[in-house]
PDB file of N, CA and C in Angstrom:
ATOM      1  N   MET A   1      12.326  -3.880   7.786  1.00  0.00           N
ATOM      2  CA  MET A   1      12.718  -2.870   6.826  1.00  0.00           C
ATOM      3  C   MET A   1      11.679  -1.763   6.842  1.00  0.00           C
ATOM      4  N   LYS A   2      12.085  -0.583   6.424  1.00  0.00           N
ATOM      5  CA  LYS A   2      11.186   0.564   6.406  1.00  0.00           C
ATOM      6  C   LYS A   2      10.834   0.925   4.972  1.00  0.00           C
ATOM      7  N   ILE A   3       9.540   1.189   4.768  1.00  0.00           N
ATOM      8  CA  ILE A   3       9.058   1.641   3.468  1.00  0.00           C
ATOM      9  C   ILE A   3       8.203   2.881   3.688  1.00  0.00           C
ATOM     10  N   HIS A   4       8.044   3.659   2.647  1.00  0.00           N
ATOM     11  CA  HIS A   4       7.211   4.853   2.683  1.00  0.00           C
ATOM     12  C   HIS A   4       5.879   4.503   2.030  1.00  0.00           C
ATOM     13  N   VAL A   5       4.776   4.860   2.674  1.00  0.00           N
ATOM     14  CA  VAL A   5       3.456   4.533   2.144  1.00  0.00           C
ATOM     15  C   VAL A   5       2.625   5.809   2.037  1.00  0.00           C
ATOM     16  N   ALA A   6       1.997   5.996   0.887  1.00  0.00           N
ATOM     17  CA  ALA A   6       1.097   7.128   0.670  1.00  0.00           C
ATOM     18  C   ALA A   6      -0.228   6.599   0.140  1.00  0.00           C
ATOM     19  N   PHE A   7      -1.295   7.244   0.516  1.00  0.00           N
ATOM     20  CA  PHE A   7      -2.627   6.908   0.040  1.00  0.00           C
ATOM     21  C   PHE A   7      -3.157   8.092  -0.745  1.00  0.00           C
ATOM     22  N   LEU A   8      -3.868   7.812  -1.836  1.00  0.00           N
ATOM     23  CA  LEU A   8      -4.458   8.877  -2.646  1.00  0.00           C
ATOM     24  C   LEU A   8      -5.973   8.735  -2.667  1.00  0.00           C
ATOM     25  N   GLY A   9      -6.651   9.820  -2.969  1.00  0.00           N
ATOM     26  CA  GLY A   9      -8.106   9.814  -3.052  1.00  0.00           C
ATOM     27  C   GLY A   9      -8.733   9.629  -1.684  1.00  0.00           C
ATOM     28  N   PHE A  10      -9.895   8.972  -1.641  1.00  0.00           N
ATOM     29  CA  PHE A  10     -10.601   8.808  -0.376  1.00  0.00           C
ATOM     30  C   PHE A  10      -9.817   7.950   0.604  1.00  0.00           C
ATOM     31  N   LEU A  11      -8.895   7.129   0.109  1.00  0.00           N
ATOM     32  CA  LEU A  11      -8.076   6.325   1.010  1.00  0.00           C
ATOM     33  C   LEU A  11      -7.223   7.213   1.905  1.00  0.00           C
ATOM     34  N   LYS A  12      -6.816   8.353   1.387  1.00  0.00           N
ATOM     35  CA  LYS A  12      -6.013   9.286   2.170  1.00  0.00           C
ATOM     36  C   LYS A  12      -6.779   9.723   3.417  1.00  0.00           C
ATOM     37  N   LEU A  13      -8.070   9.933   3.278  1.00  0.00           N
ATOM     38  CA  LEU A  13      -8.899  10.344   4.410  1.00  0.00           C
ATOM     39  C   LEU A  13      -9.112   9.210   5.398  1.00  0.00           C
ATOM     40  N   ARG A  14      -9.221   7.992   4.914  1.00  0.00           N
ATOM     41  CA  ARG A  14      -9.523   6.854   5.770  1.00  0.00           C
ATOM     42  C   ARG A  14      -8.287   6.270   6.446  1.00  0.00           C
ATOM     43  N   ARG A  15      -7.108   6.610   6.011  1.00  0.00           N
ATOM     44  CA  ARG A  15      -5.880   6.008   6.532  1.00  0.00           C
ATOM     45  C   ARG A  15      -4.990   7.008   7.261  1.00  0.00           C
ATOM     46  N   LEU A  16      -5.586   8.001   7.896  1.00  0.00           N
ATOM     47  CA  LEU A  16      -4.792   9.013   8.585  1.00  0.00           C
ATOM     48  C   LEU A  16      -3.961   8.428   9.718  1.00  0.00           C
ATOM     49  N   GLU A  17      -4.416   7.300  10.304  1.00  0.00           N
ATOM     50  CA  GLU A  17      -3.686   6.714  11.418  1.00  0.00           C
ATOM     51  C   GLU A  17      -2.384   6.051  10.976  1.00  0.00           C
ATOM     52  N   ALA A  18      -2.258   5.748   9.713  1.00  0.00           N
ATOM     53  CA  ALA A  18      -1.023   5.132   9.207  1.00  0.00           C
ATOM     54  C   ALA A  18      -0.002   6.224   8.933  1.00  0.00           C
ATOM     55  N   GLY A  19       1.165   6.069   9.497  1.00  0.00           N
ATOM     56  CA  GLY A  19       2.223   7.041   9.266  1.00  0.00           C
ATOM     57  C   GLY A  19       2.816   6.870   7.887  1.00  0.00           C
ATOM     58  N   PRO A  20       3.611   7.833   7.443  1.00  0.00           N
ATOM     59  CA  PRO A  20       4.202   7.749   6.112  1.00  0.00           C
ATOM     60  C   PRO A  20       5.324   6.712   6.016  1.00  0.00           C
ATOM     61  N   VAL A  21       5.914   6.331   7.150  1.00  0.00           N
ATOM     62  CA  VAL A  21       6.961   5.304   7.137  1.00  0.00           C
ATOM     63  C   VAL A  21       6.477   4.131   7.981  1.00  0.00           C
ATOM     64  N   ILE A  22       6.505   2.952   7.378  1.00  0.00           N
ATOM     65  CA  ILE A  22       6.021   1.740   8.037  1.00  0.00           C
ATOM     66  C   ILE A  22       7.145   0.722   8.068  1.00  0.00           C
ATOM     67  N   GLU A  23       7.255   0.019   9.174  1.00  0.00           N
ATOM     68  CA  GLU A  23       8.253  -1.038   9.286  1.00  0.00           C
ATOM     69  C   GLU A  23       7.558  -2.389   9.112  1.00  0.00           C
ATOM     70  N   ILE A  24       8.057  -3.165   8.165  1.00  0.00           N
ATOM     71  CA  ILE A  24       7.532  -4.509   7.905  1.00  0.00           C
ATOM     72  C   ILE A  24       8.719  -5.458   7.755  1.00  0.00           C
ATOM     73  N   PRO A  25       8.474  -6.772   7.872  1.00  0.00           N
ATOM     74  CA  PRO A  25       9.577  -7.738   7.773  1.00  0.00           C
ATOM     75  C   PRO A  25      10.210  -7.782   6.383  1.00  0.00           C
ATOM     76  N   GLU A  26      11.485  -8.104   6.349  1.00  0.00           N
ATOM     77  CA  GLU A  26      12.202  -8.316   5.077  1.00  0.00           C
ATOM     78  C   GLU A  26      11.449  -9.351   4.246  1.00  0.00           C
ATOM     79  N   GLY A  27      11.435  -9.166   2.938  1.00  0.00           N
ATOM     80  CA  GLY A  27      10.795 -10.121   2.034  1.00  0.00           C
ATOM     81  C   GLY A  27       9.294  -9.972   1.919  1.00  0.00           C
ATOM     82  N   SER A  28       8.729  -8.940   2.545  1.00  0.00           N
ATOM     83  CA  SER A  28       7.277  -8.744   2.486  1.00  0.00           C
ATOM     84  C   SER A  28       6.829  -8.404   1.078  1.00  0.00           C
ATOM     85  N   THR A  29       5.590  -8.735   0.791  1.00  0.00           N
ATOM     86  CA  THR A  29       4.973  -8.439  -0.499  1.00  0.00           C
ATOM     87  C   THR A  29       3.900  -7.375  -0.314  1.00  0.00           C
ATOM     88  N   ILE A  30       3.332  -6.927  -1.411  1.00  0.00           N
ATOM     89  CA  ILE A  30       2.209  -5.986  -1.343  1.00  0.00           C
ATOM     90  C   ILE A  30       1.063  -6.622  -0.568  1.00  0.00           C
ATOM     91  N   LYS A  31       0.815  -7.898  -0.763  1.00  0.00           N
ATOM     92  CA  LYS A  31      -0.243  -8.586  -0.017  1.00  0.00           C
ATOM     93  C   LYS A  31       0.040  -8.521   1.483  1.00  0.00           C
ATOM     94  N   ASP A  32       1.290  -8.720   1.874  1.00  0.00           N
ATOM     95  CA  ASP A  32       1.665  -8.616   3.287  1.00  0.00           C
ATOM     96  C   ASP A  32       1.433  -7.194   3.801  1.00  0.00           C
ATOM     97  N   LEU A  33       1.742  -6.206   2.970  1.00  0.00           N
ATOM     98  CA  LEU A  33       1.532  -4.817   3.359  1.00  0.00           C
ATOM     99  C   LEU A  33       0.049  -4.545   3.585  1.00  0.00           C
ATOM    100  N   TYR A  34      -0.806  -5.024   2.681  1.00  0.00           N
ATOM    101  CA  TYR A  34      -2.245  -4.859   2.875  1.00  0.00           C
ATOM    102  C   TYR A  34      -2.665  -5.440   4.224  1.00  0.00           C
ATOM    103  N   ALA A  35      -2.173  -6.633   4.551  1.00  0.00           N
ATOM    104  CA  ALA A  35      -2.517  -7.266   5.828  1.00  0.00           C
ATOM    105  C   ALA A  35      -2.012  -6.416   6.998  1.00  0.00           C
ATOM    106  N   HIS A  36      -0.806  -5.911   6.886  1.00  0.00           N
ATOM    107  CA  HIS A  36      -0.221  -5.073   7.940  1.00  0.00           C
ATOM    108  C   HIS A  36      -1.062  -3.817   8.173  1.00  0.00           C
ATOM    109  N   LEU A  37      -1.641  -3.301   7.107  1.00  0.00           N
ATOM    110  CA  LEU A  37      -2.454  -2.084   7.188  1.00  0.00           C
ATOM    111  C   LEU A  37      -3.914  -2.364   7.548  1.00  0.00           C
ATOM    112  N   GLY A  38      -4.258  -3.632   7.780  1.00  0.00           N
ATOM    113  CA  GLY A  38      -5.637  -3.984   8.097  1.00  0.00           C
ATOM    114  C   GLY A  38      -6.542  -3.974   6.895  1.00  0.00           C
ATOM    115  N   MET A  39      -5.955  -4.149   5.711  1.00  0.00           N
ATOM    116  CA  MET A  39      -6.718  -4.107   4.467  1.00  0.00           C
ATOM    117  C   MET A  39      -6.742  -5.470   3.768  1.00  0.00           C
ATOM    118  N   ALA A  40      -6.465  -6.536   4.498  1.00  0.00           N
ATOM    119  CA  ALA A  40      -6.333  -7.856   3.890  1.00  0.00           C
ATOM    120  C   ALA A  40      -7.584  -8.259   3.105  1.00  0.00           C
ATOM    121  N   ASP A  41      -8.744  -7.930   3.636  1.00  0.00           N
ATOM    122  CA  ASP A  41      -9.987  -8.331   2.978  1.00  0.00           C
ATOM    123  C   ASP A  41     -10.661  -7.201   2.221  1.00  0.00           C
ATOM    124  N   SER A  42     -10.067  -6.015   2.257  1.00  0.00           N
ATOM    125  CA  SER A  42     -10.749  -4.862   1.655  1.00  0.00           C
ATOM    126  C   SER A  42      -9.924  -4.163   0.580  1.00  0.00           C
ATOM    127  N   HIS A  43      -8.930  -4.838   0.022  1.00  0.00           N
ATOM    128  CA  HIS A  43      -8.084  -4.158  -0.963  1.00  0.00           C
ATOM    129  C   HIS A  43      -8.539  -4.363  -2.406  1.00  0.00           C
ATOM    130  N   GLN A  44      -9.662  -5.061  -2.597  1.00  0.00           N
ATOM    131  CA  GLN A  44     -10.190  -5.187  -3.952  1.00  0.00           C
ATOM    132  C   GLN A  44     -10.570  -3.804  -4.451  1.00  0.00           C
ATOM    133  N   GLY A  45     -10.300  -3.516  -5.691  1.00  0.00           N
ATOM    134  CA  GLY A  45     -10.596  -2.198  -6.247  1.00  0.00           C
ATOM    135  C   GLY A  45      -9.520  -1.174  -5.936  1.00  0.00           C
ATOM    136  N   MET A  46      -8.370  -1.663  -5.467  1.00  0.00           N
ATOM    137  CA  MET A  46      -7.254  -0.775  -5.190  1.00  0.00           C
ATOM    138  C   MET A  46      -6.053  -1.195  -6.015  1.00  0.00           C
ATOM    139  N   GLN A  47      -5.186  -0.246  -6.261  1.00  0.00           N
ATOM    140  CA  GLN A  47      -3.959  -0.529  -7.005  1.00  0.00           C
ATOM    141  C   GLN A  47      -2.796   0.043  -6.231  1.00  0.00           C
ATOM    142  N   ALA A  48      -1.758  -0.760  -6.098  1.00  0.00           N
ATOM    143  CA  ALA A  48      -0.535  -0.304  -5.441  1.00  0.00           C
ATOM    144  C   ALA A  48       0.524  -0.033  -6.501  1.00  0.00           C
ATOM    145  N   PHE A  49       1.366   0.927  -6.209  1.00  0.00           N
ATOM    146  CA  PHE A  49       2.511   1.249  -7.052  1.00  0.00           C
ATOM    147  C   PHE A  49       3.754   1.243  -6.170  1.00  0.00           C
ATOM    148  N   ILE A  50       4.814   0.639  -6.655  1.00  0.00           N
ATOM    149  CA  ILE A  50       6.097   0.657  -5.961  1.00  0.00           C
ATOM    150  C   ILE A  50       7.016   1.544  -6.780  1.00  0.00           C
ATOM    151  N   ASN A  51       7.457   2.627  -6.182  1.00  0.00           N
ATOM    152  CA  ASN A  51       8.334   3.579  -6.881  1.00  0.00           C
ATOM    153  C   ASN A  51       7.759   3.977  -8.231  1.00  0.00           C
ATOM    154  N   LYS A  52       6.441   4.221  -8.243  1.00  0.00           N
ATOM    155  CA  LYS A  52       5.677   4.691  -9.409  1.00  0.00           C
ATOM    156  C   LYS A  52       5.420   3.633 -10.481  1.00  0.00           C
ATOM    157  N   ASP A  53       5.797   2.376 -10.225  1.00  0.00           N
ATOM    158  CA  ASP A  53       5.496   1.285 -11.155  1.00  0.00           C
ATOM    159  C   ASP A  53       4.368   0.435 -10.575  1.00  0.00           C
ATOM    160  N   ALA A  54       3.423   0.017 -11.416  1.00  0.00           N
ATOM    161  CA  ALA A  54       2.315  -0.813 -10.955  1.00  0.00           C
ATOM    162  C   ALA A  54       2.850  -2.059 -10.265  1.00  0.00           C
ATOM    163  N   ALA A  55       2.194  -2.429  -9.166  1.00  0.00           N
ATOM    164  CA  ALA A  55       2.609  -3.592  -8.387  1.00  0.00           C
ATOM    165  C   ALA A  55       1.409  -4.510  -8.177  1.00  0.00           C
ATOM    166  N   TRP A  56       1.689  -5.764  -7.934  1.00  0.00           N
ATOM    167  CA  TRP A  56       0.649  -6.778  -7.726  1.00  0.00           C
ATOM    168  C   TRP A  56       0.838  -7.382  -6.352  1.00  0.00           C
ATOM    169  N   GLU A  57      -0.105  -8.198  -5.911  1.00  0.00           N
ATOM    170  CA  GLU A  57      -0.032  -8.783  -4.572  1.00  0.00           C
ATOM    171  C   GLU A  57       1.291  -9.494  -4.310  1.00  0.00           C
ATOM    172  N   ALA A  58       1.846 -10.146  -5.297  1.00  0.00           N
ATOM    173  CA  ALA A  58       3.077 -10.915  -5.108  1.00  0.00           C
ATOM    174  C   ALA A  58       4.350 -10.073  -5.254  1.00  0.00           C
ATOM    175  N   SER A  59       4.205  -8.795  -5.591  1.00  0.00           N
ATOM    176  CA  SER A  59       5.380  -7.933  -5.758  1.00  0.00           C
ATOM    177  C   SER A  59       6.107  -7.781  -4.430  1.00  0.00           C
ATOM    178  N   ARG A  60       7.416  -8.010  -4.455  1.00  0.00           N
ATOM    179  CA  ARG A  60       8.244  -7.918  -3.240  1.00  0.00           C
ATOM    180  C   ARG A  60       8.690  -6.483  -2.990  1.00  0.00           C
ATOM    181  N   LEU A  61       8.739  -6.147  -1.725  1.00  0.00           N
ATOM    182  CA  LEU A  61       9.167  -4.818  -1.302  1.00  0.00           C
ATOM    183  C   LEU A  61      10.611  -4.858  -0.833  1.00  0.00           C
ATOM    184  N   LYS A  62      11.297  -3.711  -0.981  1.00  0.00           N
ATOM    185  CA  LYS A  62      12.681  -3.573  -0.535  1.00  0.00           C
ATOM    186  C   LYS A  62      12.779  -2.363   0.387  1.00  0.00           C
ATOM    187  N   GLU A  63      13.798  -2.344   1.193  1.00  0.00           N
ATOM    188  CA  GLU A  63      14.077  -1.217   2.078  1.00  0.00           C
ATOM    189  C   GLU A  63      14.026   0.097   1.293  1.00  0.00           C
ATOM    190  N   GLY A  64      13.282   1.062   1.834  1.00  0.00           N
ATOM    191  CA  GLY A  64      13.225   2.383   1.232  1.00  0.00           C
ATOM    192  C   GLY A  64      12.247   2.544   0.085  1.00  0.00           C
ATOM    193  N   ASP A  65      11.546   1.469  -0.312  1.00  0.00           N
ATOM    194  CA  ASP A  65      10.561   1.598  -1.390  1.00  0.00           C
ATOM    195  C   ASP A  65       9.499   2.630  -1.020  1.00  0.00           C
ATOM    196  N   GLU A  66       8.970   3.284  -2.050  1.00  0.00           N
ATOM    197  CA  GLU A  66       7.846   4.197  -1.887  1.00  0.00           C
ATOM    198  C   GLU A  66       6.622   3.536  -2.502  1.00  0.00           C
ATOM    199  N   VAL A  67       5.639   3.241  -1.665  1.00  0.00           N
ATOM    200  CA  VAL A  67       4.419   2.569  -2.112  1.00  0.00           C
ATOM    201  C   VAL A  67       3.275   3.577  -2.071  1.00  0.00           C
ATOM    202  N   THR A  68       2.555   3.659  -3.175  1.00  0.00           N
ATOM    203  CA  THR A  68       1.358   4.490  -3.244  1.00  0.00           C
ATOM    204  C   THR A  68       0.177   3.577  -3.497  1.00  0.00           C
ATOM    205  N   ILE A  69      -0.895   3.756  -2.730  1.00  0.00           N
ATOM    206  CA  ILE A  69      -2.091   2.941  -2.888  1.00  0.00           C
ATOM    207  C   ILE A  69      -3.243   3.871  -3.259  1.00  0.00           C
ATOM    208  N   ILE A  70      -3.915   3.528  -4.356  1.00  0.00           N
ATOM    209  CA  ILE A  70      -5.035   4.339  -4.822  1.00  0.00           C
ATOM    210  C   ILE A  70      -6.255   3.458  -5.018  1.00  0.00           C
ATOM    211  N   SER A  71      -7.413   4.070  -5.012  1.00  0.00           N
ATOM    212  CA  SER A  71      -8.655   3.372  -5.323  1.00  0.00           C
ATOM    213  C   SER A  71      -8.865   3.475  -6.830  1.00  0.00           C
ATOM    214  N   ILE A  72      -9.125   2.351  -7.477  1.00  0.00           N
ATOM    215  CA  ILE A  72      -9.398   2.383  -8.909  1.00  0.00           C
ATOM    216  C   ILE A  72     -10.895   2.302  -9.183  1.00  0.00           C
ATOM    217  N   VAL A  73     -11.694   2.355  -8.111  1.00  0.00           N
ATOM    218  CA  VAL A  73     -13.132   2.316  -8.218  1.00  0.00           C
ATOM    219  C   VAL A  73     -13.669   3.677  -7.796  1.00  0.00           C
ATOM    220  N   SER A  74     -14.531   4.234  -8.626  1.00  0.00           N
ATOM    221  CA  SER A  74     -15.126   5.517  -8.258  1.00  0.00           C
ATOM    222  C   SER A  74     -16.560   5.563  -8.763  1.00  0.00           C
ATOM    223  N   GLY A  75     -17.326   6.402  -8.142  1.00  0.00           N
ATOM    224  CA  GLY A  75     -18.725   6.556  -8.531  1.00  0.00           C
ATOM    225  C   GLY A  75     -18.887   7.705  -9.499  1.00  0.00           C
ATOM    226  N   GLY A  76     -20.085   7.870 -10.005  1.00  0.00           N
ATOM    227  CA  GLY A  76     -20.268   8.937 -10.968  1.00  0.00           C
ATOM    228  C   GLY A  76     -21.506   9.679 -10.814  1.00  0.00           C
TER     229      GLY A  76
END
């Protein structure tokens, strides 16, 4: 299935190699998406949103979903 993925903040700069549309297997979760993006061990301090609603690792994705990933950790 195809989903749309956007990164905000510094993640946008670090994830330029990821296209806006990603193909992942049916039934995938946010955790699976992190693994697909090479972020399996580095997604702490990040928050995903599916169609603008907060999502968790176990949240299931559907065809055409729009996922936004942001960093919730920042310096001062």
